[in-house]
Amino acid sequence: IDHISAAFGFYADYGQTRNWSAVQSGFCGSNCRGRIGYIAAYGSQPDLYSPLQMAADLPEHYAQFMDAFQFIKDVDIDWIQSKYLLAEPGEYVVIARQGKKDGQWFCGGVTDDHKRTLEVPLQFLDPEKTYEATIYRDAEDAHYKENPQAYVVEKKTVTFHDFLPITMAPGGGFAISFEEVK
C-alpha cells in the first residue's frame, strides 16, 4: 500500500500564505486534499502498516502543532502484534498495535465523512498494569472540510477494564499512545 500518513495538510503555497481554499476548491486536482482531518492522518499511523513511515509535510507546517506532532515522534513503525478492536467496512476502523521497540501500545482510529462516537475497548492492555493514555482527538468543532485543524490533546489514566469514549468528526479520527504508570 502506498500511503503517506501524518501530513498536517497539503497546501498550495503562495509566499508566506498557505491557501487552504485553493486546495479545497480543486486547484491541485479534484479532491487532492482528501476527506480527512489532521488527527485522522495521525490515527492512520497505527491503522495502516508500513515500516517506512515519514513526516510528509514541510517542517514549518508541523512547528505550529508540536503538541500533536509528539505522537509522530513517539509512535513505533513496526509491531509485535495487532488487535483489530472495532470496524465497519467503508465506515470506520480502530486498531491497537504493540511496538517492537519497547512493547508500548498505540491505538488509532479513522472514520468516513460521518461523525461518530465509539467506546474503544482497552482489553489489549496488560490487566495487571495502569497506563497513562495520551489521546489526540478531533475537537468538538472539527470537520474535514470546514475545520480540519481542530484537535485536542488530553491525558487520562486507564486500565485493561476501561472503555474510552471517542468522538470522531466527519473525516476525522484519533491516535492514542499508552505508557505504563510506574
Protein backbone atom coordinates (compact mmCIF):
# COMPACT_ATOMS: atom_id res chain seq x y z
CA ILE A 1 0.00 0.00 0.00
CA ASP A 2 1.35 3.42 -0.90
CA HIS A 3 0.29 5.68 1.92
CA ILE A 4 1.74 8.90 3.26
CA SER A 5 0.29 9.45 6.68
CA ALA A 6 0.90 12.21 9.18
CA ALA A 7 0.83 15.13 6.78
CA PHE A 8 -0.69 18.11 8.51
CA GLY A 9 -2.31 19.24 5.30
CA PHE A 10 -1.35 19.60 1.70
CA TYR A 11 -1.37 23.28 0.86
CA ALA A 12 -1.00 25.45 -2.17
CA ASP A 13 1.75 27.84 -1.10
CA TYR A 14 1.77 31.47 -2.14
CA GLY A 15 4.74 33.06 -0.45
CA GLN A 16 4.07 33.20 3.29
CA THR A 17 0.35 32.42 2.96
CA ARG A 18 -0.91 28.86 2.88
CA ASN A 19 -4.00 28.92 0.72
CA TRP A 20 -6.23 26.15 2.01
CA SER A 21 -9.19 27.22 -0.13
CA ALA A 22 -7.17 26.75 -3.33
CA VAL A 23 -6.58 23.15 -2.40
CA GLN A 24 -10.17 22.54 -1.30
CA SER A 25 -11.53 24.11 -4.49
CA GLY A 26 -9.53 21.74 -6.67
CA PHE A 27 -6.57 23.98 -7.56
CA CYS A 28 -4.27 20.94 -7.49
CA GLY A 29 -6.81 18.47 -8.89
CA SER A 30 -10.18 17.23 -7.84
CA ASN A 31 -10.29 16.43 -4.14
CA CYS A 32 -6.47 16.41 -3.88
CA ARG A 33 -6.59 17.16 -0.16
CA GLY A 34 -8.80 14.21 0.58
CA ARG A 35 -11.62 13.91 3.07
CA ILE A 36 -9.61 13.66 6.26
CA GLY A 37 -8.86 15.90 9.20
CA TYR A 38 -5.43 16.38 10.73
CA ILE A 39 -5.84 13.95 13.59
CA ALA A 40 -7.19 11.28 11.22
CA ALA A 41 -3.81 11.41 9.48
CA TYR A 42 -2.23 10.57 12.83
CA GLY A 43 -4.79 7.88 13.56
CA SER A 44 -3.79 6.18 10.33
CA GLN A 45 -0.23 5.65 11.63
CA PRO A 46 -1.15 2.52 13.62
CA ASP A 47 -4.04 1.66 11.28
CA LEU A 48 -2.03 1.22 8.09
CA TYR A 49 1.03 -0.97 8.47
CA SER A 50 4.18 0.32 6.87
CA PRO A 51 7.63 0.15 8.45
CA LEU A 52 8.62 3.01 6.14
CA GLN A 53 6.86 5.97 7.77
CA MET A 54 7.70 9.60 7.27
CA ALA A 55 6.55 13.04 8.21
CA ALA A 56 5.46 14.09 4.74
CA ASP A 57 4.88 17.78 5.22
CA LEU A 58 7.16 20.81 5.47
CA PRO A 59 8.76 21.27 8.92
CA GLU A 60 7.22 24.72 9.33
CA HIS A 61 3.75 23.19 8.95
CA TYR A 62 4.42 20.87 11.89
CA ALA A 63 6.04 23.59 14.03
CA GLN A 64 2.72 25.17 14.93
CA PHE A 65 1.31 21.81 16.07
CA MET A 66 4.17 20.40 18.16
CA ASP A 67 1.81 19.07 20.83
CA ALA A 68 0.17 16.80 18.22
CA PHE A 69 3.48 16.08 16.49
CA GLN A 70 4.62 14.36 19.68
CA PHE A 71 2.61 11.32 18.57
CA ILE A 72 4.66 11.07 15.37
CA LYS A 73 7.84 11.27 17.42
CA ASP A 74 6.62 8.55 19.80
CA VAL A 75 4.85 6.04 17.57
CA ASP A 76 6.69 2.88 16.65
CA ILE A 77 6.88 1.84 13.00
CA ASP A 78 6.94 -1.92 13.38
CA TRP A 79 4.78 -4.11 15.55
CA ILE A 80 4.87 -7.20 17.77
CA GLN A 81 1.14 -7.68 17.49
CA SER A 82 -2.01 -6.03 16.19
CA LYS A 83 -5.54 -6.04 17.60
CA TYR A 84 -8.49 -5.04 15.47
CA LEU A 85 -10.87 -3.53 18.02
CA LEU A 86 -13.77 -2.02 16.08
CA ALA A 87 -14.59 -1.81 12.40
CA GLU A 88 -17.34 -1.45 9.87
CA PRO A 89 -16.08 -1.74 6.28
CA GLY A 90 -16.20 1.56 4.43
CA GLU A 91 -17.14 3.46 7.59
CA TYR A 92 -14.53 3.25 10.37
CA VAL A 93 -11.71 1.20 11.84
CA VAL A 94 -9.93 1.15 15.22
CA ILE A 95 -6.69 -0.78 15.61
CA ALA A 96 -4.26 -1.20 18.53
CA ARG A 97 -0.66 -2.20 17.89
CA GLN A 98 2.19 -3.06 20.22
CA GLY A 99 5.54 -1.64 19.16
CA LYS A 100 8.58 -3.84 18.63
CA LYS A 101 10.97 -1.24 20.03
CA ASP A 102 9.84 -1.39 23.65
CA GLY A 103 6.43 -3.07 23.74
CA GLN A 104 4.49 0.21 24.04
CA TRP A 105 0.89 0.17 22.82
CA PHE A 106 -0.58 2.62 20.33
CA CYS A 107 -4.14 2.87 19.06
CA GLY A 108 -5.58 4.69 16.08
CA GLY A 109 -8.95 5.14 14.52
CA VAL A 110 -10.37 6.82 11.43
CA THR A 111 -13.88 7.37 10.15
CA ASP A 112 -15.60 8.24 6.90
CA ASP A 113 -17.41 11.53 6.40
CA HIS A 114 -19.87 10.86 9.24
CA LYS A 115 -19.40 11.98 12.82
CA ARG A 116 -19.49 9.04 15.23
CA THR A 117 -18.75 8.20 18.85
CA LEU A 118 -17.22 4.84 19.70
CA GLU A 119 -16.46 3.13 23.00
CA VAL A 120 -12.90 1.95 22.45
CA PRO A 121 -12.19 -1.22 24.50
CA LEU A 122 -8.78 -1.41 26.17
CA GLN A 123 -8.67 -5.17 26.74
CA PHE A 124 -5.42 -5.38 24.76
CA LEU A 125 -3.55 -3.76 27.68
CA ASP A 126 -1.92 -5.79 30.45
CA PRO A 127 -4.67 -6.44 33.07
CA GLU A 128 -2.14 -6.06 35.92
CA LYS A 129 -0.96 -2.57 34.95
CA THR A 130 -2.15 1.03 34.89
CA TYR A 131 -1.41 3.30 31.94
CA GLU A 132 -1.36 6.97 31.06
CA ALA A 133 -3.17 7.40 27.75
CA THR A 134 -2.23 10.44 25.70
CA ILE A 135 -5.20 10.98 23.42
CA TYR A 136 -5.01 13.03 20.22
CA ARG A 137 -8.58 13.51 19.05
CA ASP A 138 -10.81 15.74 16.98
CA ALA A 139 -12.15 18.84 18.71
CA GLU A 140 -15.91 19.28 19.02
CA ASP A 141 -15.95 21.69 16.05
CA ALA A 142 -13.62 19.65 13.82
CA HIS A 143 -14.68 18.72 10.30
CA TYR A 144 -12.51 17.54 7.40
CA LYS A 145 -13.77 20.34 5.17
CA GLU A 146 -14.65 23.29 7.42
CA ASN A 147 -12.18 22.89 10.30
CA PRO A 148 -9.61 20.10 9.74
CA GLN A 149 -7.04 21.59 12.11
CA ALA A 150 -9.26 21.45 15.23
CA TYR A 151 -7.93 18.91 17.71
CA VAL A 152 -7.47 18.27 21.43
CA VAL A 153 -4.62 16.53 23.24
CA GLU A 154 -5.52 15.13 26.65
CA LYS A 155 -4.23 12.59 29.14
CA LYS A 156 -6.20 10.01 31.10
CA THR A 157 -5.25 7.21 33.47
CA VAL A 158 -6.66 3.93 32.15
CA THR A 159 -6.60 0.17 32.71
CA PHE A 160 -7.47 -3.03 30.87
CA HIS A 161 -11.06 -2.74 32.17
CA ASP A 162 -11.78 0.69 30.68
CA PHE A 163 -13.56 1.80 27.53
CA LEU A 164 -12.61 5.19 26.12
CA PRO A 165 -15.48 7.15 24.54
CA ILE A 166 -14.02 8.83 21.45
CA THR A 167 -15.94 11.10 19.11
CA MET A 168 -14.56 11.35 15.60
CA ALA A 169 -15.53 14.29 13.43
CA PRO A 170 -16.60 13.79 9.82
CA GLY A 171 -13.40 12.64 8.08
CA GLY A 172 -11.77 12.53 11.49
CA GLY A 173 -10.05 10.15 13.79
CA PHE A 174 -7.85 9.76 16.83
CA ALA A 175 -4.50 8.45 17.98
CA ILE A 176 -3.53 7.23 21.45
CA SER A 177 -0.21 6.32 22.99
CA PHE A 178 -0.18 4.30 26.21
CA GLU A 179 2.63 4.47 28.75
CA GLU A 180 2.76 2.26 31.80
CA VAL A 181 2.44 4.16 35.08
CA LYS A 182 5.32 3.03 37.29
